[in-house]
Amino acid sequence: MRIFKNPEIQAELTIPESTWLTLPGACDLKFETIEEVKIEKEKNFADVKVQAEKESEDYNLHASTELELCEEIEGIVNIVNATDFEGGYALETDQSYRTRMITAFKEWIKAREES
């Protein structure tokens, strides 16, 4: 992700690790920064690595997709996905799908037995 600061701000700006980003109006699609990043005072943007909250094809964003902060950081004016995101369930193997379904079924049975 590329995070832009207000060009009028002449100070360094820090985006903490574990900052949450989302699509405007789609709070169920969340991305978390996986590192702290600083926007240097002489620059107006910095690139930061993010990780999707869940695995899903819905998280495969196209380049130039605009996002927003879940909690405002003063001075940040824009966030743009700089490259295409790929992966999600589109790359899930048959075996990992089977394992995921069996685990979910076992958890469902256990929850029913406990209630």
PDB file of N, CA and C in Angstrom:
ATOM      1  N   MET A   1       0.847  -1.169   0.000  1.00  0.00           N
ATOM      2  CA  MET A   1       0.000   0.000   0.000  1.00  0.00           C
ATOM      3  C   MET A   1       0.895   1.234   0.000  1.00  0.00           C
ATOM      4  N   ARG A   2       0.437   2.245  -0.638  1.00  0.00           N
ATOM      5  CA  ARG A   2       1.142   3.529  -0.635  1.00  0.00           C
ATOM      6  C   ARG A   2       0.288   4.517   0.160  1.00  0.00           C
ATOM      7  N   ILE A   3       0.883   5.053   1.213  1.00  0.00           N
ATOM      8  CA  ILE A   3       0.188   5.983   2.097  1.00  0.00           C
ATOM      9  C   ILE A   3       0.746   7.381   1.875  1.00  0.00           C
ATOM     10  N   PHE A   4      -0.155   8.321   1.607  1.00  0.00           N
ATOM     11  CA  PHE A   4       0.246   9.690   1.309  1.00  0.00           C
ATOM     12  C   PHE A   4      -0.076  10.608   2.484  1.00  0.00           C
ATOM     13  N   LYS A   5       0.857  11.509   2.785  1.00  0.00           N
ATOM     14  CA  LYS A   5       0.592  12.513   3.813  1.00  0.00           C
ATOM     15  C   LYS A   5       0.299  13.848   3.143  1.00  0.00           C
ATOM     16  N   ASN A   6      -0.311  14.729   3.906  1.00  0.00           N
ATOM     17  CA  ASN A   6      -0.594  16.073   3.438  1.00  0.00           C
ATOM     18  C   ASN A   6       0.736  16.748   3.111  1.00  0.00           C
ATOM     19  N   PRO A   7       0.917  17.267   1.880  1.00  0.00           N
ATOM     20  CA  PRO A   7       2.204  17.865   1.499  1.00  0.00           C
ATOM     21  C   PRO A   7       2.561  19.107   2.321  1.00  0.00           C
ATOM     22  N   GLU A   8       1.595  19.687   2.989  1.00  0.00           N
ATOM     23  CA  GLU A   8       1.878  20.866   3.811  1.00  0.00           C
ATOM     24  C   GLU A   8       2.550  20.497   5.131  1.00  0.00           C
ATOM     25  N   ILE A   9       2.502  19.228   5.498  1.00  0.00           N
ATOM     26  CA  ILE A   9       3.138  18.784   6.736  1.00  0.00           C
ATOM     27  C   ILE A   9       4.626  18.600   6.485  1.00  0.00           C
ATOM     28  N   GLN A  10       5.427  19.351   7.212  1.00  0.00           N
ATOM     29  CA  GLN A  10       6.874  19.319   7.014  1.00  0.00           C
ATOM     30  C   GLN A  10       7.590  18.407   7.999  1.00  0.00           C
ATOM     31  N   ALA A  11       6.848  17.679   8.818  1.00  0.00           N
ATOM     32  CA  ALA A  11       7.446  16.783   9.812  1.00  0.00           C
ATOM     33  C   ALA A  11       7.330  15.335   9.343  1.00  0.00           C
ATOM     34  N   GLU A  12       8.132  14.472   9.959  1.00  0.00           N
ATOM     35  CA  GLU A  12       8.038  13.044   9.699  1.00  0.00           C
ATOM     36  C   GLU A  12       6.743  12.514  10.309  1.00  0.00           C
ATOM     37  N   LEU A  13       6.109  11.582   9.614  1.00  0.00           N
ATOM     38  CA  LEU A  13       4.865  10.985  10.098  1.00  0.00           C
ATOM     39  C   LEU A  13       5.075   9.479  10.238  1.00  0.00           C
ATOM     40  N   THR A  14       4.604   8.890  11.331  1.00  0.00           N
ATOM     41  CA  THR A  14       4.770   7.454  11.563  1.00  0.00           C
ATOM     42  C   THR A  14       3.425   6.746  11.472  1.00  0.00           C
ATOM     43  N   ILE A  15       3.411   5.652  10.720  1.00  0.00           N
ATOM     44  CA  ILE A  15       2.245   4.779  10.640  1.00  0.00           C
ATOM     45  C   ILE A  15       2.623   3.537  11.451  1.00  0.00           C
ATOM     46  N   PRO A  16       1.959   3.311  12.586  1.00  0.00           N
ATOM     47  CA  PRO A  16       2.345   2.183  13.444  1.00  0.00           C
ATOM     48  C   PRO A  16       2.022   0.828  12.817  1.00  0.00           C
ATOM     49  N   GLU A  17       2.777  -0.180  13.244  1.00  0.00           N
ATOM     50  CA  GLU A  17       2.447  -1.564  12.896  1.00  0.00           C
ATOM     51  C   GLU A  17       1.069  -1.858  13.474  1.00  0.00           C
ATOM     52  N   SER A  18       0.318  -2.709  12.823  1.00  0.00           N
ATOM     53  CA  SER A  18      -1.040  -3.097  13.232  1.00  0.00           C
ATOM     54  C   SER A  18      -2.056  -1.975  13.061  1.00  0.00           C
ATOM     55  N   THR A  19      -1.812  -1.083  12.119  1.00  0.00           N
ATOM     56  CA  THR A  19      -2.804  -0.076  11.734  1.00  0.00           C
ATOM     57  C   THR A  19      -3.757  -0.737  10.749  1.00  0.00           C
ATOM     58  N   TRP A  20      -5.069  -0.556  10.963  1.00  0.00           N
ATOM     59  CA  TRP A  20      -6.066  -1.205  10.117  1.00  0.00           C
ATOM     60  C   TRP A  20      -6.530  -0.280   9.000  1.00  0.00           C
ATOM     61  N   LEU A  21      -6.628  -0.855   7.796  1.00  0.00           N
ATOM     62  CA  LEU A  21      -7.105  -0.153   6.604  1.00  0.00           C
ATOM     63  C   LEU A  21      -8.317  -0.911   6.077  1.00  0.00           C
ATOM     64  N   THR A  22      -9.202  -0.197   5.388  1.00  0.00           N
ATOM     65  CA  THR A  22     -10.370  -0.838   4.802  1.00  0.00           C
ATOM     66  C   THR A  22     -10.771  -0.100   3.535  1.00  0.00           C
ATOM     67  N   LEU A  23     -11.635  -0.733   2.753  1.00  0.00           N
ATOM     68  CA  LEU A  23     -12.223  -0.068   1.599  1.00  0.00           C
ATOM     69  C   LEU A  23     -13.281   0.900   2.098  1.00  0.00           C
ATOM     70  N   PRO A  24     -13.434   2.046   1.466  1.00  0.00           N
ATOM     71  CA  PRO A  24     -14.488   2.970   1.900  1.00  0.00           C
ATOM     72  C   PRO A  24     -15.854   2.290   1.856  1.00  0.00           C
ATOM     73  N   GLY A  25     -16.555   2.311   2.974  1.00  0.00           N
ATOM     74  CA  GLY A  25     -17.891   1.739   3.045  1.00  0.00           C
ATOM     75  C   GLY A  25     -17.935   0.219   3.130  1.00  0.00           C
ATOM     76  N   ALA A  26     -16.780  -0.440   3.287  1.00  0.00           N
ATOM     77  CA  ALA A  26     -16.760  -1.910   3.350  1.00  0.00           C
ATOM     78  C   ALA A  26     -15.917  -2.353   4.538  1.00  0.00           C
ATOM     79  N   CYS A  27     -16.395  -2.099   5.722  1.00  0.00           N
ATOM     80  CA  CYS A  27     -15.617  -2.374   6.933  1.00  0.00           C
ATOM     81  C   CYS A  27     -15.335  -3.855   7.159  1.00  0.00           C
ATOM     82  N   ASP A  28     -15.977  -4.739   6.400  1.00  0.00           N
ATOM     83  CA  ASP A  28     -15.704  -6.165   6.577  1.00  0.00           C
ATOM     84  C   ASP A  28     -14.442  -6.607   5.833  1.00  0.00           C
ATOM     85  N   LEU A  29     -13.893  -5.765   4.968  1.00  0.00           N
ATOM     86  CA  LEU A  29     -12.632  -6.056   4.284  1.00  0.00           C
ATOM     87  C   LEU A  29     -11.539  -5.233   4.961  1.00  0.00           C
ATOM     88  N   LYS A  30     -10.734  -5.879   5.808  1.00  0.00           N
ATOM     89  CA  LYS A  30      -9.717  -5.150   6.552  1.00  0.00           C
ATOM     90  C   LYS A  30      -8.324  -5.666   6.224  1.00  0.00           C
ATOM     91  N   PHE A  31      -7.391  -4.737   6.209  1.00  0.00           N
ATOM     92  CA  PHE A  31      -5.990  -5.028   5.987  1.00  0.00           C
ATOM     93  C   PHE A  31      -5.203  -4.413   7.135  1.00  0.00           C
ATOM     94  N   GLU A  32      -4.198  -5.140   7.623  1.00  0.00           N
ATOM     95  CA  GLU A  32      -3.408  -4.681   8.759  1.00  0.00           C
ATOM     96  C   GLU A  32      -1.976  -4.437   8.303  1.00  0.00           C
ATOM     97  N   THR A  33      -1.402  -3.297   8.712  1.00  0.00           N
ATOM     98  CA  THR A  33       0.000  -3.057   8.397  1.00  0.00           C
ATOM     99  C   THR A  33       0.836  -4.028   9.218  1.00  0.00           C
ATOM    100  N   ILE A  34       1.845  -4.625   8.603  1.00  0.00           N
ATOM    101  CA  ILE A  34       2.649  -5.629   9.298  1.00  0.00           C
ATOM    102  C   ILE A  34       4.015  -5.086   9.703  1.00  0.00           C
ATOM    103  N   GLU A  35       4.183  -3.784   9.564  1.00  0.00           N
ATOM    104  CA  GLU A  35       5.419  -3.133   9.974  1.00  0.00           C
ATOM    105  C   GLU A  35       5.144  -1.661  10.231  1.00  0.00           C
ATOM    106  N   GLU A  36       5.973  -1.066  11.050  1.00  0.00           N
ATOM    107  CA  GLU A  36       5.887   0.387  11.235  1.00  0.00           C
ATOM    108  C   GLU A  36       6.581   1.033  10.049  1.00  0.00           C
ATOM    109  N   VAL A  37       6.025   2.125   9.577  1.00  0.00           N
ATOM    110  CA  VAL A  37       6.644   2.830   8.461  1.00  0.00           C
ATOM    111  C   VAL A  37       6.625   4.327   8.760  1.00  0.00           C
ATOM    112  N   LYS A  38       7.679   4.997   8.336  1.00  0.00           N
ATOM    113  CA  LYS A  38       7.777   6.440   8.526  1.00  0.00           C
ATOM    114  C   LYS A  38       7.739   7.130   7.173  1.00  0.00           C
ATOM    115  N   ILE A  39       6.932   8.183   7.103  1.00  0.00           N
ATOM    116  CA  ILE A  39       6.937   9.038   5.914  1.00  0.00           C
ATOM    117  C   ILE A  39       7.889  10.177   6.248  1.00  0.00           C
ATOM    118  N   GLU A  40       9.027  10.187   5.589  1.00  0.00           N
ATOM    119  CA  GLU A  40      10.057  11.179   5.881  1.00  0.00           C
ATOM    120  C   GLU A  40       9.545  12.593   5.617  1.00  0.00           C
ATOM    121  N   LYS A  41      10.131  13.561   6.328  1.00  0.00           N
ATOM    122  CA  LYS A  41       9.618  14.933   6.218  1.00  0.00           C
ATOM    123  C   LYS A  41       9.760  15.510   4.817  1.00  0.00           C
ATOM    124  N   GLU A  42      10.763  15.071   4.051  1.00  0.00           N
ATOM    125  CA  GLU A  42      10.924  15.611   2.696  1.00  0.00           C
ATOM    126  C   GLU A  42      10.146  14.822   1.644  1.00  0.00           C
ATOM    127  N   LYS A  43       9.447  13.761   2.064  1.00  0.00           N
ATOM    128  CA  LYS A  43       8.642  12.967   1.135  1.00  0.00           C
ATOM    129  C   LYS A  43       7.167  13.108   1.485  1.00  0.00           C
ATOM    130  N   ASN A  44       6.315  12.781   0.522  1.00  0.00           N
ATOM    131  CA  ASN A  44       4.871  12.869   0.746  1.00  0.00           C
ATOM    132  C   ASN A  44       4.208  11.500   0.821  1.00  0.00           C
ATOM    133  N   PHE A  45       4.972  10.420   0.649  1.00  0.00           N
ATOM    134  CA  PHE A  45       4.361   9.085   0.724  1.00  0.00           C
ATOM    135  C   PHE A  45       5.390   8.058   1.182  1.00  0.00           C
ATOM    136  N   ALA A  46       4.861   6.907   1.583  1.00  0.00           N
ATOM    137  CA  ALA A  46       5.697   5.749   1.905  1.00  0.00           C
ATOM    138  C   ALA A  46       4.904   4.497   1.557  1.00  0.00           C
ATOM    139  N   ASP A  47       5.614   3.448   1.213  1.00  0.00           N
ATOM    140  CA  ASP A  47       4.990   2.162   0.943  1.00  0.00           C
ATOM    141  C   ASP A  47       5.047   1.326   2.214  1.00  0.00           C
ATOM    142  N   VAL A  48       3.953   0.622   2.495  1.00  0.00           N
ATOM    143  CA  VAL A  48       3.872  -0.221   3.681  1.00  0.00           C
ATOM    144  C   VAL A  48       3.285  -1.570   3.293  1.00  0.00           C
ATOM    145  N   LYS A  49       3.803  -2.628   3.902  1.00  0.00           N
ATOM    146  CA  LYS A  49       3.288  -3.971   3.654  1.00  0.00           C
ATOM    147  C   LYS A  49       2.067  -4.195   4.535  1.00  0.00           C
ATOM    148  N   VAL A  50       1.064  -4.849   3.951  1.00  0.00           N
ATOM    149  CA  VAL A  50      -0.158  -5.154   4.693  1.00  0.00           C
ATOM    150  C   VAL A  50      -0.509  -6.622   4.523  1.00  0.00           C
ATOM    151  N   GLN A  51      -1.354  -7.086   5.423  1.00  0.00           N
ATOM    152  CA  GLN A  51      -1.858  -8.453   5.355  1.00  0.00           C
ATOM    153  C   GLN A  51      -3.363  -8.404   5.519  1.00  0.00           C
ATOM    154  N   ALA A  52      -4.068  -9.155   4.694  1.00  0.00           N
ATOM    155  CA  ALA A  52      -5.523  -9.207   4.789  1.00  0.00           C
ATOM    156  C   ALA A  52      -5.937  -9.890   6.085  1.00  0.00           C
ATOM    157  N   GLU A  53      -7.052  -9.443   6.648  1.00  0.00           N
ATOM    158  CA  GLU A  53      -7.567 -10.035   7.884  1.00  0.00           C
ATOM    159  C   GLU A  53      -7.983 -11.490   7.667  1.00  0.00           C
ATOM    160  N   LYS A  54      -8.517 -11.807   6.479  1.00  0.00           N
ATOM    161  CA  LYS A  54      -8.992 -13.149   6.149  1.00  0.00           C
ATOM    162  C   LYS A  54      -8.488 -13.522   4.767  1.00  0.00           C
ATOM    163  N   GLU A  55      -8.613 -14.797   4.428  1.00  0.00           N
ATOM    164  CA  GLU A  55      -8.323 -15.239   3.067  1.00  0.00           C
ATOM    165  C   GLU A  55      -9.631 -15.288   2.299  1.00  0.00           C
ATOM    166  N   SER A  56      -9.671 -14.588   1.183  1.00  0.00           N
ATOM    167  CA  SER A  56     -10.854 -14.594   0.334  1.00  0.00           C
ATOM    168  C   SER A  56     -10.516 -13.890  -0.968  1.00  0.00           C
ATOM    169  N   GLU A  57     -11.158 -14.307  -2.032  1.00  0.00           N
ATOM    170  CA  GLU A  57     -10.942 -13.624  -3.310  1.00  0.00           C
ATOM    171  C   GLU A  57     -11.373 -12.165  -3.236  1.00  0.00           C
ATOM    172  N   ASP A  58     -12.257 -11.827  -2.294  1.00  0.00           N
ATOM    173  CA  ASP A  58     -12.692 -10.436  -2.124  1.00  0.00           C
ATOM    174  C   ASP A  58     -11.516  -9.521  -1.803  1.00  0.00           C
ATOM    175  N   TYR A  59     -10.448 -10.088  -1.233  1.00  0.00           N
ATOM    176  CA  TYR A  59      -9.287  -9.299  -0.839  1.00  0.00           C
ATOM    177  C   TYR A  59      -8.284  -9.122  -1.976  1.00  0.00           C
ATOM    178  N   ASN A  60      -8.551  -9.702  -3.127  1.00  0.00           N
ATOM    179  CA  ASN A  60      -7.669  -9.541  -4.282  1.00  0.00           C
ATOM    180  C   ASN A  60      -7.953  -8.194  -4.948  1.00  0.00           C
ATOM    181  N   LEU A  61      -7.350  -7.152  -4.429  1.00  0.00           N
ATOM    182  CA  LEU A  61      -7.607  -5.796  -4.914  1.00  0.00           C
ATOM    183  C   LEU A  61      -6.783  -5.483  -6.144  1.00  0.00           C
ATOM    184  N   HIS A  62      -7.344  -4.667  -7.011  1.00  0.00           N
ATOM    185  CA  HIS A  62      -6.614  -4.181  -8.179  1.00  0.00           C
ATOM    186  C   HIS A  62      -5.726  -3.015  -7.773  1.00  0.00           C
ATOM    187  N   ALA A  63      -4.669  -2.812  -8.536  1.00  0.00           N
ATOM    188  CA  ALA A  63      -3.825  -1.637  -8.324  1.00  0.00           C
ATOM    189  C   ALA A  63      -4.691  -0.391  -8.467  1.00  0.00           C
ATOM    190  N   SER A  64      -4.350   0.645  -7.765  1.00  0.00           N
ATOM    191  CA  SER A  64      -5.051   1.939  -7.761  1.00  0.00           C
ATOM    192  C   SER A  64      -6.327   1.927  -6.925  1.00  0.00           C
ATOM    193  N   THR A  65      -6.625   0.833  -6.226  1.00  0.00           N
ATOM    194  CA  THR A  65      -7.781   0.817  -5.329  1.00  0.00           C
ATOM    195  C   THR A  65      -7.484   1.721  -4.146  1.00  0.00           C
ATOM    196  N   GLU A  66      -8.424   2.618  -3.839  1.00  0.00           N
ATOM    197  CA  GLU A  66      -8.240   3.523  -2.708  1.00  0.00           C
ATOM    198  C   GLU A  66      -8.791   2.897  -1.439  1.00  0.00           C
ATOM    199  N   LEU A  67      -8.078   3.080  -0.343  1.00  0.00           N
ATOM    200  CA  LEU A  67      -8.493   2.586   0.956  1.00  0.00           C
ATOM    201  C   LEU A  67      -8.532   3.749   1.940  1.00  0.00           C
ATOM    202  N   GLU A  68      -9.020   3.449   3.150  1.00  0.00           N
ATOM    203  CA  GLU A  68      -9.033   4.467   4.198  1.00  0.00           C
ATOM    204  C   GLU A  68      -8.616   3.819   5.513  1.00  0.00           C
ATOM    205  N   LEU A  69      -8.186   4.660   6.436  1.00  0.00           N
ATOM    206  CA  LEU A  69      -7.819   4.194   7.766  1.00  0.00           C
ATOM    207  C   LEU A  69      -9.067   3.877   8.568  1.00  0.00           C
ATOM    208  N   CYS A  70      -9.028   2.806   9.362  1.00  0.00           N
ATOM    209  CA  CYS A  70     -10.147   2.509  10.259  1.00  0.00           C
ATOM    210  C   CYS A  70     -10.179   3.533  11.398  1.00  0.00           C
ATOM    211  N   GLU A  71      -9.004   3.966  11.834  1.00  0.00           N
ATOM    212  CA  GLU A  71      -8.897   5.039  12.825  1.00  0.00           C
ATOM    213  C   GLU A  71      -8.000   6.116  12.242  1.00  0.00           C
ATOM    214  N   GLU A  72      -8.473   7.333  12.243  1.00  0.00           N
ATOM    215  CA  GLU A  72      -7.771   8.440  11.601  1.00  0.00           C
ATOM    216  C   GLU A  72      -6.388   8.672  12.192  1.00  0.00           C
ATOM    217  N   ILE A  73      -5.435   8.948  11.309  1.00  0.00           N
ATOM    218  CA  ILE A  73      -4.108   9.421  11.699  1.00  0.00           C
ATOM    219  C   ILE A  73      -3.968  10.796  11.066  1.00  0.00           C
ATOM    220  N   GLU A  74      -3.797  11.801  11.910  1.00  0.00           N
ATOM    221  CA  GLU A  74      -3.748  13.178  11.415  1.00  0.00           C
ATOM    222  C   GLU A  74      -2.613  13.338  10.411  1.00  0.00           C
ATOM    223  N   GLY A  75      -2.943  13.932   9.278  1.00  0.00           N
ATOM    224  CA  GLY A  75      -1.955  14.192   8.238  1.00  0.00           C
ATOM    225  C   GLY A  75      -2.008  13.225   7.073  1.00  0.00           C
ATOM    226  N   ILE A  76      -2.676  12.092   7.230  1.00  0.00           N
ATOM    227  CA  ILE A  76      -2.797  11.131   6.130  1.00  0.00           C
ATOM    228  C   ILE A  76      -3.964  11.562   5.251  1.00  0.00           C
ATOM    229  N   VAL A  77      -3.699  11.727   3.967  1.00  0.00           N
ATOM    230  CA  VAL A  77      -4.744  12.220   3.063  1.00  0.00           C
ATOM    231  C   VAL A  77      -5.235  11.172   2.068  1.00  0.00           C
ATOM    232  N   ASN A  78      -4.431  10.120   1.816  1.00  0.00           N
ATOM    233  CA  ASN A  78      -4.839   9.148   0.815  1.00  0.00           C
ATOM    234  C   ASN A  78      -4.056   7.854   0.996  1.00  0.00           C
ATOM    235  N   ILE A  79      -4.714   6.725   0.684  1.00  0.00           N
ATOM    236  CA  ILE A  79      -4.065   5.417   0.707  1.00  0.00           C
ATOM    237  C   ILE A  79      -4.472   4.708  -0.571  1.00  0.00           C
ATOM    238  N   VAL A  80      -3.482   4.211  -1.307  1.00  0.00           N
ATOM    239  CA  VAL A  80      -3.748   3.562  -2.589  1.00  0.00           C
ATOM    240  C   VAL A  80      -2.994   2.243  -2.649  1.00  0.00           C
ATOM    241  N   ASN A  81      -3.671   1.217  -3.143  1.00  0.00           N
ATOM    242  CA  ASN A  81      -3.020  -0.061  -3.389  1.00  0.00           C
ATOM    243  C   ASN A  81      -2.108   0.121  -4.604  1.00  0.00           C
ATOM    244  N   ALA A  82      -0.807  -0.023  -4.401  1.00  0.00           N
ATOM    245  CA  ALA A  82       0.151   0.253  -5.470  1.00  0.00           C
ATOM    246  C   ALA A  82       0.261  -0.876  -6.501  1.00  0.00           C
ATOM    247  N   THR A  83      -0.017  -2.121  -6.087  1.00  0.00           N
ATOM    248  CA  THR A  83       0.084  -3.267  -7.003  1.00  0.00           C
ATOM    249  C   THR A  83      -1.133  -4.177  -6.830  1.00  0.00           C
ATOM    250  N   ASP A  84      -1.385  -5.007  -7.822  1.00  0.00           N
ATOM    251  CA  ASP A  84      -2.484  -5.968  -7.724  1.00  0.00           C
ATOM    252  C   ASP A  84      -2.227  -6.951  -6.590  1.00  0.00           C
ATOM    253  N   PHE A  85      -3.277  -7.279  -5.843  1.00  0.00           N
ATOM    254  CA  PHE A  85      -3.208  -8.338  -4.833  1.00  0.00           C
ATOM    255  C   PHE A  85      -3.730  -9.607  -5.480  1.00  0.00           C
ATOM    256  N   GLU A  86      -3.084 -10.717  -5.192  1.00  0.00           N
ATOM    257  CA  GLU A  86      -3.521 -12.006  -5.710  1.00  0.00           C
ATOM    258  C   GLU A  86      -3.502 -13.021  -4.586  1.00  0.00           C
ATOM    259  N   GLY A  87      -4.168 -14.127  -4.778  1.00  0.00           N
ATOM    260  CA  GLY A  87      -4.127 -15.199  -3.783  1.00  0.00           C
ATOM    261  C   GLY A  87      -5.502 -15.502  -3.263  1.00  0.00           C
ATOM    262  N   GLY A  88      -5.672 -15.414  -1.955  1.00  0.00           N
ATOM    263  CA  GLY A  88      -6.948 -15.746  -1.341  1.00  0.00           C
ATOM    264  C   GLY A  88      -7.300 -17.204  -1.600  1.00  0.00           C
ATOM    265  N   TYR A  89      -8.564 -17.516  -1.605  1.00  0.00           N
ATOM    266  CA  TYR A  89      -9.008 -18.886  -1.813  1.00  0.00           C
ATOM    267  C   TYR A  89      -8.754 -19.362  -3.239  1.00  0.00           C
ATOM    268  N   ALA A  90      -8.481 -18.453  -4.152  1.00  0.00           N
ATOM    269  CA  ALA A  90      -8.224 -18.859  -5.525  1.00  0.00           C
ATOM    270  C   ALA A  90      -7.032 -19.811  -5.610  1.00  0.00           C
ATOM    271  N   LEU A  91      -6.118 -19.752  -4.644  1.00  0.00           N
ATOM    272  CA  LEU A  91      -4.937 -20.599  -4.665  1.00  0.00           C
ATOM    273  C   LEU A  91      -5.022 -21.760  -3.685  1.00  0.00           C
ATOM    274  N   GLU A  92      -6.158 -21.930  -3.038  1.00  0.00           N
ATOM    275  CA  GLU A  92      -6.284 -22.994  -2.051  1.00  0.00           C
ATOM    276  C   GLU A  92      -6.271 -24.356  -2.742  1.00  0.00           C
ATOM    277  N   THR A  93      -5.495 -25.286  -2.190  1.00  0.00           N
ATOM    278  CA  THR A  93      -5.429 -26.632  -2.761  1.00  0.00           C
ATOM    279  C   THR A  93      -6.624 -27.451  -2.287  1.00  0.00           C
ATOM    280  N   ASP A  94      -6.891 -28.557  -2.969  1.00  0.00           N
ATOM    281  CA  ASP A  94      -7.971 -29.449  -2.555  1.00  0.00           C
ATOM    282  C   ASP A  94      -7.727 -29.965  -1.142  1.00  0.00           C
ATOM    283  N   GLN A  95      -6.472 -30.336  -0.852  1.00  0.00           N
ATOM    284  CA  GLN A  95      -6.165 -30.894   0.464  1.00  0.00           C
ATOM    285  C   GLN A  95      -6.357 -29.853   1.571  1.00  0.00           C
ATOM    286  N   SER A  96      -5.933 -28.609   1.351  1.00  0.00           N
ATOM    287  CA  SER A  96      -6.113 -27.594   2.391  1.00  0.00           C
ATOM    288  C   SER A  96      -7.601 -27.283   2.581  1.00  0.00           C
ATOM    289  N   TYR A  97      -8.384 -27.350   1.499  1.00  0.00           N
ATOM    290  CA  TYR A  97      -9.830 -27.159   1.614  1.00  0.00           C
ATOM    291  C   TYR A  97     -10.454 -28.286   2.443  1.00  0.00           C
ATOM    292  N   ARG A  98     -10.086 -29.537   2.157  1.00  0.00           N
ATOM    293  CA  ARG A  98     -10.601 -30.679   2.925  1.00  0.00           C
ATOM    294  C   ARG A  98     -10.264 -30.529   4.410  1.00  0.00           C
ATOM    295  N   THR A  99      -9.012 -30.199   4.687  1.00  0.00           N
ATOM    296  CA  THR A  99      -8.561 -30.038   6.073  1.00  0.00           C
ATOM    297  C   THR A  99      -9.351 -28.932   6.766  1.00  0.00           C
ATOM    298  N   ARG A 100      -9.555 -27.828   6.080  1.00  0.00           N
ATOM    299  CA  ARG A 100     -10.301 -26.698   6.656  1.00  0.00           C
ATOM    300  C   ARG A 100     -11.751 -27.102   6.939  1.00  0.00           C
ATOM    301  N   MET A 101     -12.376 -27.832   6.029  1.00  0.00           N
ATOM    302  CA  MET A 101     -13.764 -28.255   6.215  1.00  0.00           C
ATOM    303  C   MET A 101     -13.894 -29.281   7.344  1.00  0.00           C
ATOM    304  N   ILE A 102     -12.970 -30.222   7.422  1.00  0.00           N
ATOM    305  CA  ILE A 102     -13.003 -31.231   8.494  1.00  0.00           C
ATOM    306  C   ILE A 102     -12.818 -30.552   9.852  1.00  0.00           C
ATOM    307  N   THR A 103     -11.890 -29.636   9.937  1.00  0.00           N
ATOM    308  CA  THR A 103     -11.659 -28.899  11.189  1.00  0.00           C
ATOM    309  C   THR A 103     -12.905 -28.125  11.597  1.00  0.00           C
ATOM    310  N   ALA A 104     -13.522 -27.435  10.651  1.00  0.00           N
ATOM    311  CA  ALA A 104     -14.733 -26.666  10.952  1.00  0.00           C
ATOM    312  C   ALA A 104     -15.854 -27.592  11.421  1.00  0.00           C
ATOM    313  N   PHE A 105     -15.998 -28.759  10.782  1.00  0.00           N
ATOM    314  CA  PHE A 105     -17.034 -29.715  11.170  1.00  0.00           C
ATOM    315  C   PHE A 105     -16.775 -30.251  12.580  1.00  0.00           C
ATOM    316  N   LYS A 106     -15.519 -30.587  12.893  1.00  0.00           N
ATOM    317  CA  LYS A 106     -15.176 -31.083  14.225  1.00  0.00           C
ATOM    318  C   LYS A 106     -15.455 -30.019  15.292  1.00  0.00           C
ATOM    319  N   GLU A 107     -15.144 -28.767  14.985  1.00  0.00           N
ATOM    320  CA  GLU A 107     -15.413 -27.682  15.935  1.00  0.00           C
ATOM    321  C   GLU A 107     -16.919 -27.509  16.144  1.00  0.00           C
ATOM    322  N   TRP A 108     -17.705 -27.677  15.078  1.00  0.00           N
ATOM    323  CA  TRP A 108     -19.163 -27.574  15.177  1.00  0.00           C
ATOM    324  C   TRP A 108     -19.720 -28.689  16.065  1.00  0.00           C
ATOM    325  N   ILE A 109     -19.222 -29.929  15.860  1.00  0.00           N
ATOM    326  CA  ILE A 109     -19.675 -31.058  16.676  1.00  0.00           C
ATOM    327  C   ILE A 109     -19.314 -30.821  18.145  1.00  0.00           C
ATOM    328  N   LYS A 110     -18.095 -30.376  18.394  1.00  0.00           N
ATOM    329  CA  LYS A 110     -17.648 -30.125  19.771  1.00  0.00           C
ATOM    330  C   LYS A 110     -18.519 -29.058  20.435  1.00  0.00           C
ATOM    331  N   ALA A 111     -18.839 -28.015  19.702  1.00  0.00           N
ATOM    332  CA  ALA A 111     -19.681 -26.935  20.256  1.00  0.00           C
ATOM    333  C   ALA A 111     -21.073 -27.453  20.584  1.00  0.00           C
ATOM    334  N   ARG A 112     -21.624 -28.329  19.751  1.00  0.00           N
ATOM    335  CA  ARG A 112     -22.958 -28.902  20.003  1.00  0.00           C
ATOM    336  C   ARG A 112     -22.938 -29.808  21.226  1.00  0.00           C
ATOM    337  N   GLU A 113     -21.857 -30.571  21.383  1.00  0.00           N
ATOM    338  CA  GLU A 113     -21.750 -31.478  22.531  1.00  0.00           C
ATOM    339  C   GLU A 113     -21.624 -30.713  23.851  1.00  0.00           C
ATOM    340  N   GLU A 114     -20.953 -29.535  23.792  1.00  0.00           N
ATOM    341  CA  GLU A 114     -20.756 -28.736  25.000  1.00  0.00           C
ATOM    342  C   GLU A 114     -22.010 -27.965  25.403  1.00  0.00           C
ATOM    343  N   SER A 115     -22.938 -27.782  24.482  1.00  0.00           N
ATOM    344  CA  SER A 115     -24.128 -26.992  24.813  1.00  0.00           C
ATOM    345  C   SER A 115     -25.283 -27.827  25.284  1.00  0.00           C
TER     346      SER A 115
END
